[in-house]
């Protein structure tokens, strides 16, 4: 074999060793990542980033963004350069709504304690919520 053939074979062998070593390092002890089956739980920083990604993705979907507008929005949102999405606080129910909700809770609890199901439960709930139920049967 000539000197150039030996050098070429040596370079190929060195390249092969480098490729194999790089592959072993890339896989490391946990090739599934931090949340894989054998991996550990995500760090608090990773959890925060995942929550930010979920939040930004939800907001982009709410705004019906697509294409470049979505990419731009996600980039700004994930970088923290956008205000957080508004938190839905809702309005407290008015007295009539509150009374209806209380009645529904009471009637539902009573139907559960009587083990009513199907048509019997529907009939009971209808009568109970409408107030047409005889006083002796009211919860």
Protein backbone atom coordinates (compact mmCIF):
# COMPACT_ATOMS: atom_id res chain seq x y z
CA UNK A 1 0.00 0.00 0.00
CA UNK A 2 1.37 3.46 -0.81
CA UNK A 3 1.92 6.23 1.70
CA UNK A 4 -1.09 8.16 0.41
CA UNK A 5 -3.24 5.01 0.72
CA UNK A 6 -2.16 4.57 4.33
CA UNK A 7 -2.88 8.23 5.12
CA UNK A 8 -6.26 8.00 3.40
CA UNK A 9 -7.15 4.84 5.32
CA UNK A 10 -6.02 6.48 8.54
CA UNK A 11 -8.16 9.55 7.86
CA UNK A 12 -11.18 7.36 7.07
CA UNK A 13 -10.68 5.43 10.31
CA UNK A 14 -10.30 8.66 12.29
CA UNK A 15 -13.44 10.05 10.68
CA UNK A 16 -15.33 6.86 11.49
CA UNK A 17 -14.23 7.03 15.14
CA UNK A 18 -15.26 10.68 15.32
CA UNK A 19 -18.70 9.94 13.85
CA UNK A 20 -19.27 7.05 16.24
CA UNK A 21 -18.13 9.09 19.23
CA UNK A 22 -20.36 11.99 18.23
CA UNK A 23 -23.35 9.68 17.93
CA UNK A 24 -22.69 8.19 21.37
CA UNK A 25 -22.38 11.65 22.90
CA UNK A 26 -25.54 12.85 21.19
CA UNK A 27 -27.54 9.96 22.60
CA UNK A 28 -26.04 10.24 26.04
CA UNK A 29 -27.35 8.30 29.01
CA UNK A 30 -30.96 9.37 28.41
CA UNK A 31 -31.78 9.46 24.71
CA UNK A 32 -35.53 9.90 25.34
CA UNK A 33 -35.12 13.47 26.57
CA UNK A 34 -36.12 14.82 29.95
CA UNK A 35 -39.73 13.70 29.76
CA UNK A 36 -39.22 10.30 28.13
CA UNK A 37 -40.19 7.05 29.77
CA UNK A 38 -36.91 6.59 31.56
CA UNK A 39 -36.18 10.29 32.04
CA UNK A 40 -36.58 12.59 34.98
CA UNK A 41 -39.32 15.15 35.41
CA UNK A 42 -38.86 18.55 33.77
CA UNK A 43 -37.11 21.22 35.78
CA UNK A 44 -39.13 24.19 37.05
CA UNK A 45 -37.69 26.32 34.24
CA UNK A 46 -38.74 23.72 31.66
CA UNK A 47 -42.19 23.50 33.22
CA UNK A 48 -42.53 27.29 33.07
CA UNK A 49 -41.48 27.29 29.40
CA UNK A 50 -43.95 24.49 28.59
CA UNK A 51 -46.74 26.42 30.33
CA UNK A 52 -45.78 29.59 28.44
CA UNK A 53 -45.87 27.63 25.16
CA UNK A 54 -49.32 26.23 26.00
CA UNK A 55 -50.60 29.67 26.95
CA UNK A 56 -49.21 31.37 23.84
CA UNK A 57 -50.48 28.58 21.59
CA UNK A 58 -53.97 28.82 23.11
CA UNK A 59 -54.00 32.59 22.68
CA UNK A 60 -52.84 32.30 19.05
CA UNK A 61 -55.68 29.83 18.44
CA UNK A 62 -58.18 32.15 20.13
CA UNK A 63 -57.06 34.94 17.82
CA UNK A 64 -57.34 32.59 14.79
CA UNK A 65 -53.78 33.38 13.73
CA UNK A 66 -52.13 31.40 10.94
CA UNK A 67 -48.97 31.49 8.85
CA UNK A 68 -46.57 34.37 9.35
CA UNK A 69 -48.89 36.20 11.75
CA UNK A 70 -48.95 33.14 14.04
CA UNK A 71 -45.16 32.68 13.84
CA UNK A 72 -44.61 36.34 14.68
CA UNK A 73 -47.12 36.25 17.53
CA UNK A 74 -45.61 33.07 18.98
CA UNK A 75 -42.10 34.51 18.79
CA UNK A 76 -43.13 37.68 20.64
CA UNK A 77 -45.27 35.82 23.15
CA UNK A 78 -42.62 33.22 23.99
CA UNK A 79 -40.00 35.93 24.36
CA UNK A 80 -42.25 37.58 26.93
CA UNK A 81 -42.65 40.79 24.97
CA UNK A 82 -46.42 40.59 24.97
CA UNK A 83 -48.79 41.17 27.85
CA UNK A 84 -50.22 37.95 29.24
CA UNK A 85 -53.61 36.95 27.92
CA UNK A 86 -56.47 38.41 29.90
CA UNK A 87 -57.73 36.24 32.71
CA UNK A 88 -61.42 35.58 32.47
CA UNK A 89 -62.84 36.69 35.78
CA UNK A 90 -66.48 36.69 34.74
CA UNK A 91 -69.23 38.65 36.35
CA UNK A 92 -70.81 37.47 39.57
CA UNK A 93 -74.34 36.15 39.06
CA UNK A 94 -77.22 38.48 39.76
CA UNK A 95 -79.63 37.49 42.58
CA UNK A 96 -82.04 35.69 40.22
CA UNK A 97 -79.20 33.69 38.64
CA UNK A 98 -77.80 32.89 42.08
CA UNK A 99 -81.22 31.64 43.24
CA UNK A 100 -81.51 29.42 40.14
CA UNK A 101 -78.02 28.01 40.68
CA UNK A 102 -78.82 27.30 44.35
CA UNK A 103 -82.05 25.58 43.32
CA UNK A 104 -80.19 23.47 40.77
CA UNK A 105 -77.59 22.44 43.35
CA UNK A 106 -80.29 21.50 45.87
CA UNK A 107 -82.44 19.58 43.37
CA UNK A 108 -79.40 17.78 41.94
CA UNK A 109 -78.22 16.76 45.40
CA UNK A 110 -81.70 15.47 46.26
CA UNK A 111 -81.96 13.50 43.01
CA UNK A 112 -78.57 11.96 43.81
CA UNK A 113 -79.57 11.05 47.36
CA UNK A 114 -82.72 9.36 45.97
CA UNK A 115 -80.55 7.44 43.45
CA UNK A 116 -82.71 8.67 40.58
CA UNK A 117 -81.52 8.00 37.03
CA UNK A 118 -82.77 8.33 33.49
CA UNK A 119 -86.36 9.45 32.96
CA UNK A 120 -87.15 9.43 36.68
CA UNK A 121 -84.28 11.86 37.34
CA UNK A 122 -85.30 14.13 34.45
CA UNK A 123 -88.89 14.22 35.69
CA UNK A 124 -87.80 14.92 39.26
CA UNK A 125 -85.41 17.69 38.19
CA UNK A 126 -88.07 19.31 36.01
CA UNK A 127 -90.61 19.34 38.82
CA UNK A 128 -88.08 20.40 41.44
CA UNK A 129 -86.64 23.26 39.38
CA UNK A 130 -90.03 24.55 38.30
CA UNK A 131 -91.31 24.72 41.86
CA UNK A 132 -94.38 22.59 40.99
CA UNK A 133 -93.27 19.82 43.33
CA UNK A 134 -95.57 19.20 46.34
CA UNK A 135 -94.09 20.50 49.58
CA UNK A 136 -93.91 16.99 51.02
CA UNK A 137 -91.56 15.91 48.21
CA UNK A 138 -89.37 19.00 48.07
CA UNK A 139 -85.78 18.66 49.21
